[in-house]
Amino acid sequence: MARNSTPEQQSVRVLKVGERVRHILSELLSRGEVHDDTISSHAVSVTEVRMSPDLRQAKVYVKPLLGADEAKIVKALQVNTAFFQKEVAQRLGLKFAPRLQFRADETFDEASRIDRLLDDPRVRRDLGEDE
């Protein structure tokens, strides 16, 4: 990356690399290239990858289909981190491979919580939607 690049250009690069890592991991999981019974027996979505500005760290947010056995799957992904890092490094072609940190994606749970709050009769009354 050029030293005179703007912060906007840097952040675009970070976003692009994060999206590329997400695609690589999604492909590995969907093709069943991981030799782990826990992972291969579940459909796992990689919902987001957040890269550090120096592209050395990647937080990978995952969600199993229907949220079943989430903790068990995240643990299995963490156990197989070396495999994923090796594959990402080979397919990405960067000078340094990012260190992957797998985490459960809580955004769906948070969205459900907000929906429940908005459906509360008191909130609907305050919003003027109660008939």
N, C-alpha and C. Protein backbone atom coordinates (compact mmCIF):
# COMPACT_ATOMS: atom_id res chain seq x y z
N MET A 1 0.86 -1.18 0.00
CA MET A 1 0.00 0.00 0.00
C MET A 1 0.89 1.23 0.00
N ALA A 2 0.57 2.19 -0.82
CA ALA A 2 1.36 3.41 -0.92
C ALA A 2 1.28 4.21 0.39
N ARG A 3 2.40 4.83 0.72
CA ARG A 3 2.43 5.60 1.97
C ARG A 3 1.56 6.85 1.90
N ASN A 4 1.34 7.37 0.73
CA ASN A 4 0.55 8.59 0.61
C ASN A 4 -0.92 8.31 0.33
N SER A 5 -1.39 7.10 0.58
CA SER A 5 -2.80 6.78 0.37
C SER A 5 -3.64 7.39 1.49
N THR A 6 -4.85 7.75 1.14
CA THR A 6 -5.74 8.38 2.11
C THR A 6 -6.37 7.32 3.02
N PRO A 7 -6.89 7.73 4.18
CA PRO A 7 -7.56 6.77 5.06
C PRO A 7 -8.75 6.10 4.38
N GLU A 8 -9.43 6.82 3.49
CA GLU A 8 -10.57 6.23 2.78
C GLU A 8 -10.12 5.09 1.89
N GLN A 9 -9.00 5.28 1.20
CA GLN A 9 -8.47 4.22 0.34
C GLN A 9 -8.02 3.03 1.17
N GLN A 10 -7.42 3.28 2.32
CA GLN A 10 -6.98 2.20 3.18
C GLN A 10 -8.18 1.40 3.67
N SER A 11 -9.24 2.10 4.06
CA SER A 11 -10.40 1.38 4.58
C SER A 11 -11.09 0.58 3.49
N VAL A 12 -11.07 1.06 2.25
CA VAL A 12 -11.63 0.30 1.14
C VAL A 12 -10.83 -0.98 0.94
N ARG A 13 -9.53 -0.87 1.03
CA ARG A 13 -8.67 -2.06 0.90
C ARG A 13 -8.96 -3.06 2.02
N VAL A 14 -9.09 -2.56 3.23
CA VAL A 14 -9.39 -3.43 4.37
C VAL A 14 -10.72 -4.14 4.15
N LEU A 15 -11.72 -3.42 3.67
CA LEU A 15 -13.02 -4.02 3.40
C LEU A 15 -12.94 -5.07 2.30
N LYS A 16 -12.18 -4.77 1.24
CA LYS A 16 -12.05 -5.71 0.14
C LYS A 16 -11.35 -7.00 0.58
N VAL A 17 -10.29 -6.86 1.35
CA VAL A 17 -9.57 -8.05 1.83
C VAL A 17 -10.47 -8.85 2.77
N GLY A 18 -11.20 -8.17 3.64
CA GLY A 18 -12.12 -8.87 4.54
C GLY A 18 -13.18 -9.63 3.77
N GLU A 19 -13.71 -9.04 2.72
CA GLU A 19 -14.72 -9.72 1.91
C GLU A 19 -14.11 -10.91 1.17
N ARG A 20 -12.88 -10.76 0.71
CA ARG A 20 -12.20 -11.88 0.03
C ARG A 20 -11.96 -13.04 1.00
N VAL A 21 -11.55 -12.73 2.22
CA VAL A 21 -11.36 -13.77 3.24
C VAL A 21 -12.68 -14.46 3.53
N ARG A 22 -13.76 -13.69 3.61
CA ARG A 22 -15.08 -14.27 3.86
C ARG A 22 -15.46 -15.25 2.75
N HIS A 23 -15.21 -14.87 1.52
CA HIS A 23 -15.52 -15.75 0.39
C HIS A 23 -14.69 -17.04 0.44
N ILE A 24 -13.42 -16.91 0.76
CA ILE A 24 -12.55 -18.08 0.83
C ILE A 24 -13.04 -19.04 1.91
N LEU A 25 -13.32 -18.51 3.09
CA LEU A 25 -13.78 -19.35 4.19
C LEU A 25 -15.14 -19.98 3.88
N SER A 26 -16.03 -19.20 3.28
CA SER A 26 -17.35 -19.74 2.91
C SER A 26 -17.20 -20.89 1.92
N GLU A 27 -16.31 -20.72 0.98
CA GLU A 27 -16.07 -21.76 -0.02
C GLU A 27 -15.52 -23.03 0.64
N LEU A 28 -14.58 -22.86 1.53
CA LEU A 28 -14.01 -24.02 2.24
C LEU A 28 -15.09 -24.77 3.02
N LEU A 29 -15.96 -24.03 3.69
CA LEU A 29 -17.00 -24.65 4.49
C LEU A 29 -18.08 -25.29 3.63
N SER A 30 -18.47 -24.63 2.55
CA SER A 30 -19.54 -25.18 1.71
C SER A 30 -19.09 -26.41 0.94
N ARG A 31 -17.83 -26.48 0.59
CA ARG A 31 -17.31 -27.65 -0.14
C ARG A 31 -16.91 -28.79 0.79
N GLY A 32 -16.98 -28.56 2.09
CA GLY A 32 -16.64 -29.61 3.04
C GLY A 32 -15.17 -29.99 3.04
N GLU A 33 -14.31 -29.00 2.80
CA GLU A 33 -12.88 -29.27 2.74
C GLU A 33 -12.24 -29.40 4.12
N VAL A 34 -12.99 -29.12 5.16
CA VAL A 34 -12.49 -29.25 6.53
C VAL A 34 -12.77 -30.67 7.00
N HIS A 35 -11.75 -31.33 7.49
CA HIS A 35 -11.91 -32.70 7.94
C HIS A 35 -12.21 -32.72 9.44
N ASP A 36 -13.41 -32.25 9.77
CA ASP A 36 -13.87 -32.22 11.15
C ASP A 36 -15.34 -32.61 11.14
N ASP A 37 -15.68 -33.63 11.93
CA ASP A 37 -17.06 -34.14 11.93
C ASP A 37 -18.07 -33.10 12.38
N THR A 38 -17.71 -32.30 13.37
CA THR A 38 -18.63 -31.28 13.88
C THR A 38 -18.95 -30.24 12.81
N ILE A 39 -17.93 -29.77 12.13
CA ILE A 39 -18.12 -28.74 11.11
C ILE A 39 -18.83 -29.31 9.89
N SER A 40 -18.43 -30.50 9.46
CA SER A 40 -19.03 -31.06 8.24
C SER A 40 -20.47 -31.51 8.44
N SER A 41 -20.89 -31.71 9.68
CA SER A 41 -22.27 -32.14 9.92
C SER A 41 -23.24 -30.95 10.06
N HIS A 42 -22.74 -29.73 9.98
CA HIS A 42 -23.58 -28.54 10.08
C HIS A 42 -23.34 -27.61 8.89
N ALA A 43 -24.35 -26.88 8.53
CA ALA A 43 -24.21 -25.82 7.53
C ALA A 43 -23.84 -24.54 8.29
N VAL A 44 -22.68 -23.99 7.97
CA VAL A 44 -22.17 -22.82 8.68
C VAL A 44 -22.02 -21.66 7.70
N SER A 45 -22.54 -20.50 8.09
CA SER A 45 -22.41 -19.29 7.27
C SER A 45 -21.36 -18.38 7.88
N VAL A 46 -20.51 -17.84 7.05
CA VAL A 46 -19.57 -16.80 7.48
C VAL A 46 -20.26 -15.49 7.16
N THR A 47 -20.75 -14.83 8.19
CA THR A 47 -21.57 -13.63 7.97
C THR A 47 -20.74 -12.37 7.76
N GLU A 48 -19.57 -12.30 8.39
CA GLU A 48 -18.75 -11.09 8.27
C GLU A 48 -17.32 -11.40 8.68
N VAL A 49 -16.38 -10.69 8.06
CA VAL A 49 -14.98 -10.74 8.46
C VAL A 49 -14.53 -9.31 8.66
N ARG A 50 -14.05 -9.00 9.84
CA ARG A 50 -13.56 -7.66 10.15
C ARG A 50 -12.04 -7.72 10.26
N MET A 51 -11.39 -7.01 9.37
CA MET A 51 -9.93 -7.00 9.31
C MET A 51 -9.38 -5.83 10.13
N SER A 52 -8.21 -6.04 10.72
CA SER A 52 -7.52 -4.92 11.38
C SER A 52 -6.93 -4.03 10.28
N PRO A 53 -6.63 -2.77 10.59
CA PRO A 53 -6.10 -1.87 9.57
C PRO A 53 -4.80 -2.36 8.92
N ASP A 54 -3.99 -3.13 9.66
CA ASP A 54 -2.74 -3.64 9.09
C ASP A 54 -2.92 -5.00 8.39
N LEU A 55 -4.15 -5.49 8.34
CA LEU A 55 -4.52 -6.76 7.67
C LEU A 55 -3.88 -7.99 8.30
N ARG A 56 -3.45 -7.88 9.54
CA ARG A 56 -2.81 -9.03 10.20
C ARG A 56 -3.76 -9.81 11.09
N GLN A 57 -4.88 -9.21 11.45
CA GLN A 57 -5.87 -9.86 12.30
C GLN A 57 -7.21 -9.86 11.58
N ALA A 58 -7.94 -10.96 11.72
CA ALA A 58 -9.27 -11.04 11.12
C ALA A 58 -10.22 -11.68 12.13
N LYS A 59 -11.27 -10.95 12.46
CA LYS A 59 -12.33 -11.50 13.30
C LYS A 59 -13.39 -12.07 12.37
N VAL A 60 -13.62 -13.36 12.47
CA VAL A 60 -14.53 -14.06 11.57
C VAL A 60 -15.80 -14.38 12.34
N TYR A 61 -16.93 -13.81 11.90
CA TYR A 61 -18.21 -14.03 12.56
C TYR A 61 -18.98 -15.10 11.79
N VAL A 62 -19.37 -16.15 12.51
CA VAL A 62 -20.05 -17.29 11.89
C VAL A 62 -21.39 -17.55 12.56
N LYS A 63 -22.27 -18.18 11.80
CA LYS A 63 -23.58 -18.55 12.32
C LYS A 63 -23.98 -19.88 11.69
N PRO A 64 -24.20 -20.90 12.52
CA PRO A 64 -24.70 -22.17 11.97
C PRO A 64 -26.16 -22.03 11.57
N LEU A 65 -26.58 -22.86 10.62
CA LEU A 65 -27.96 -22.83 10.16
C LEU A 65 -28.89 -23.06 11.34
N LEU A 66 -29.87 -22.22 11.50
CA LEU A 66 -30.86 -22.25 12.58
C LEU A 66 -30.24 -22.06 13.96
N GLY A 67 -28.99 -21.67 14.04
CA GLY A 67 -28.34 -21.41 15.32
C GLY A 67 -28.08 -22.63 16.17
N ALA A 68 -28.16 -23.82 15.58
CA ALA A 68 -27.99 -25.06 16.35
C ALA A 68 -26.52 -25.30 16.67
N ASP A 69 -26.24 -25.68 17.92
CA ASP A 69 -24.89 -26.04 18.38
C ASP A 69 -23.85 -24.96 18.09
N GLU A 70 -24.22 -23.72 18.28
CA GLU A 70 -23.34 -22.61 17.93
C GLU A 70 -22.01 -22.66 18.67
N ALA A 71 -22.02 -22.87 19.97
CA ALA A 71 -20.79 -22.89 20.75
C ALA A 71 -19.88 -24.04 20.32
N LYS A 72 -20.48 -25.17 20.05
CA LYS A 72 -19.72 -26.36 19.63
C LYS A 72 -19.05 -26.12 18.28
N ILE A 73 -19.75 -25.46 17.37
CA ILE A 73 -19.20 -25.19 16.05
C ILE A 73 -18.08 -24.16 16.11
N VAL A 74 -18.28 -23.11 16.89
CA VAL A 74 -17.24 -22.09 17.04
C VAL A 74 -15.98 -22.72 17.62
N LYS A 75 -16.15 -23.60 18.60
CA LYS A 75 -15.01 -24.29 19.20
C LYS A 75 -14.29 -25.16 18.15
N ALA A 76 -15.06 -25.88 17.33
CA ALA A 76 -14.46 -26.71 16.28
C ALA A 76 -13.72 -25.85 15.26
N LEU A 77 -14.26 -24.70 14.91
CA LEU A 77 -13.58 -23.80 13.99
C LEU A 77 -12.27 -23.28 14.60
N GLN A 78 -12.31 -22.97 15.89
CA GLN A 78 -11.10 -22.51 16.56
C GLN A 78 -10.03 -23.59 16.60
N VAL A 79 -10.45 -24.84 16.78
CA VAL A 79 -9.49 -25.96 16.79
C VAL A 79 -8.83 -26.10 15.42
N ASN A 80 -9.58 -25.82 14.36
CA ASN A 80 -9.08 -25.97 12.99
C ASN A 80 -8.55 -24.66 12.39
N THR A 81 -8.24 -23.69 13.23
CA THR A 81 -7.78 -22.39 12.75
C THR A 81 -6.54 -22.50 11.88
N ALA A 82 -5.60 -23.36 12.23
CA ALA A 82 -4.36 -23.49 11.45
C ALA A 82 -4.66 -23.89 10.00
N PHE A 83 -5.59 -24.82 9.81
CA PHE A 83 -5.97 -25.22 8.46
C PHE A 83 -6.55 -24.05 7.69
N PHE A 84 -7.47 -23.31 8.32
CA PHE A 84 -8.09 -22.17 7.65
C PHE A 84 -7.07 -21.08 7.31
N GLN A 85 -6.17 -20.80 8.24
CA GLN A 85 -5.15 -19.77 8.00
C GLN A 85 -4.24 -20.17 6.84
N LYS A 86 -3.87 -21.43 6.78
CA LYS A 86 -3.02 -21.92 5.68
C LYS A 86 -3.73 -21.77 4.34
N GLU A 87 -4.99 -22.16 4.28
CA GLU A 87 -5.76 -22.06 3.04
C GLU A 87 -5.97 -20.60 2.63
N VAL A 88 -6.29 -19.74 3.59
CA VAL A 88 -6.48 -18.32 3.29
C VAL A 88 -5.18 -17.73 2.78
N ALA A 89 -4.06 -18.07 3.41
CA ALA A 89 -2.76 -17.54 2.99
C ALA A 89 -2.44 -17.95 1.55
N GLN A 90 -2.71 -19.20 1.20
CA GLN A 90 -2.41 -19.67 -0.15
C GLN A 90 -3.30 -18.99 -1.19
N ARG A 91 -4.56 -18.82 -0.86
CA ARG A 91 -5.52 -18.29 -1.84
C ARG A 91 -5.56 -16.77 -1.90
N LEU A 92 -5.11 -16.12 -0.85
CA LEU A 92 -5.20 -14.66 -0.80
C LEU A 92 -4.03 -13.98 -1.50
N GLY A 93 -2.84 -14.52 -1.33
CA GLY A 93 -1.68 -13.96 -2.00
C GLY A 93 -1.15 -12.67 -1.40
N LEU A 94 -1.37 -12.45 -0.11
CA LEU A 94 -0.80 -11.28 0.57
C LEU A 94 0.57 -11.62 1.14
N LYS A 95 1.32 -10.60 1.49
CA LYS A 95 2.63 -10.82 2.08
C LYS A 95 2.51 -11.55 3.42
N PHE A 96 1.52 -11.15 4.20
CA PHE A 96 1.27 -11.79 5.50
C PHE A 96 -0.13 -12.35 5.52
N ALA A 97 -0.29 -13.54 6.04
CA ALA A 97 -1.62 -14.13 6.18
C ALA A 97 -2.25 -13.61 7.47
N PRO A 98 -3.51 -13.24 7.44
CA PRO A 98 -4.15 -12.74 8.66
C PRO A 98 -4.35 -13.86 9.68
N ARG A 99 -4.25 -13.50 10.94
CA ARG A 99 -4.53 -14.42 12.04
C ARG A 99 -6.04 -14.42 12.26
N LEU A 100 -6.66 -15.59 12.13
CA LEU A 100 -8.11 -15.69 12.20
C LEU A 100 -8.59 -15.92 13.63
N GLN A 101 -9.65 -15.23 14.00
CA GLN A 101 -10.30 -15.42 15.30
C GLN A 101 -11.78 -15.66 15.01
N PHE A 102 -12.25 -16.88 15.28
CA PHE A 102 -13.64 -17.22 15.01
C PHE A 102 -14.51 -16.83 16.20
N ARG A 103 -15.66 -16.22 15.88
CA ARG A 103 -16.61 -15.78 16.91
C ARG A 103 -18.03 -16.04 16.43
N ALA A 104 -18.91 -16.25 17.39
CA ALA A 104 -20.33 -16.42 17.05
C ALA A 104 -20.91 -15.06 16.68
N ASP A 105 -21.73 -15.03 15.66
CA ASP A 105 -22.37 -13.79 15.22
C ASP A 105 -23.63 -13.57 16.05
N GLU A 106 -23.64 -12.50 16.81
CA GLU A 106 -24.75 -12.19 17.70
C GLU A 106 -25.73 -11.19 17.10
N THR A 107 -25.49 -10.75 15.87
CA THR A 107 -26.34 -9.70 15.30
C THR A 107 -27.78 -10.17 15.08
N PHE A 108 -27.96 -11.46 14.75
CA PHE A 108 -29.32 -11.96 14.54
C PHE A 108 -30.09 -11.98 15.85
N ASP A 109 -29.42 -12.36 16.93
CA ASP A 109 -30.06 -12.35 18.24
C ASP A 109 -30.42 -10.93 18.66
N GLU A 110 -29.52 -10.00 18.38
CA GLU A 110 -29.78 -8.60 18.73
C GLU A 110 -30.94 -8.04 17.91
N ALA A 111 -31.02 -8.40 16.63
CA ALA A 111 -32.13 -7.95 15.79
C ALA A 111 -33.46 -8.50 16.30
N SER A 112 -33.46 -9.75 16.73
CA SER A 112 -34.68 -10.35 17.29
C SER A 112 -35.10 -9.63 18.57
N ARG A 113 -34.13 -9.29 19.40
CA ARG A 113 -34.42 -8.57 20.64
C ARG A 113 -35.03 -7.20 20.34
N ILE A 114 -34.50 -6.51 19.35
CA ILE A 114 -35.04 -5.20 18.98
C ILE A 114 -36.45 -5.34 18.42
N ASP A 115 -36.68 -6.37 17.60
CA ASP A 115 -38.04 -6.61 17.06
C ASP A 115 -39.03 -6.85 18.20
N ARG A 116 -38.63 -7.63 19.19
CA ARG A 116 -39.52 -7.88 20.34
C ARG A 116 -39.81 -6.59 21.09
N LEU A 117 -38.81 -5.75 21.23
CA LEU A 117 -39.02 -4.46 21.90
C LEU A 117 -39.98 -3.58 21.11
N LEU A 118 -39.83 -3.55 19.81
CA LEU A 118 -40.70 -2.72 18.97
C LEU A 118 -42.13 -3.25 18.92
N ASP A 119 -42.31 -4.55 19.16
CA ASP A 119 -43.65 -5.14 19.18
C ASP A 119 -44.37 -4.95 20.51
N ASP A 120 -43.67 -4.44 21.50
CA ASP A 120 -44.27 -4.20 22.80
C ASP A 120 -45.39 -3.17 22.64
N PRO A 121 -46.57 -3.42 23.23
CA PRO A 121 -47.70 -2.49 23.08
C PRO A 121 -47.38 -1.07 23.55
N ARG A 122 -46.58 -0.93 24.60
CA ARG A 122 -46.24 0.41 25.10
C ARG A 122 -45.39 1.17 24.09
N VAL A 123 -44.49 0.48 23.44
CA VAL A 123 -43.63 1.12 22.44
C VAL A 123 -44.46 1.48 21.22
N ARG A 124 -45.33 0.58 20.80
CA ARG A 124 -46.18 0.86 19.64
C ARG A 124 -47.07 2.07 19.90
N ARG A 125 -47.57 2.17 21.15
CA ARG A 125 -48.40 3.33 21.51
C ARG A 125 -47.58 4.61 21.38
N ASP A 126 -46.35 4.59 21.88
CA ASP A 126 -45.50 5.78 21.81
C ASP A 126 -45.13 6.15 20.38
N LEU A 127 -45.06 5.15 19.53
CA LEU A 127 -44.74 5.41 18.13
C LEU A 127 -45.96 5.81 17.31
N GLY A 128 -47.16 5.69 17.92
CA GLY A 128 -48.38 6.08 17.25
C GLY A 128 -48.89 5.04 16.28
N GLU A 129 -48.44 3.78 16.43
CA GLU A 129 -48.85 2.71 15.53
C GLU A 129 -49.99 1.87 16.11
N ASP A 130 -50.36 2.11 17.35
CA ASP A 130 -51.41 1.31 17.99
C ASP A 130 -52.78 1.82 17.52
N GLU A 131 -53.61 0.92 17.09
CA GLU A 131 -54.94 1.32 16.57
C GLU A 131 -56.03 0.87 17.50
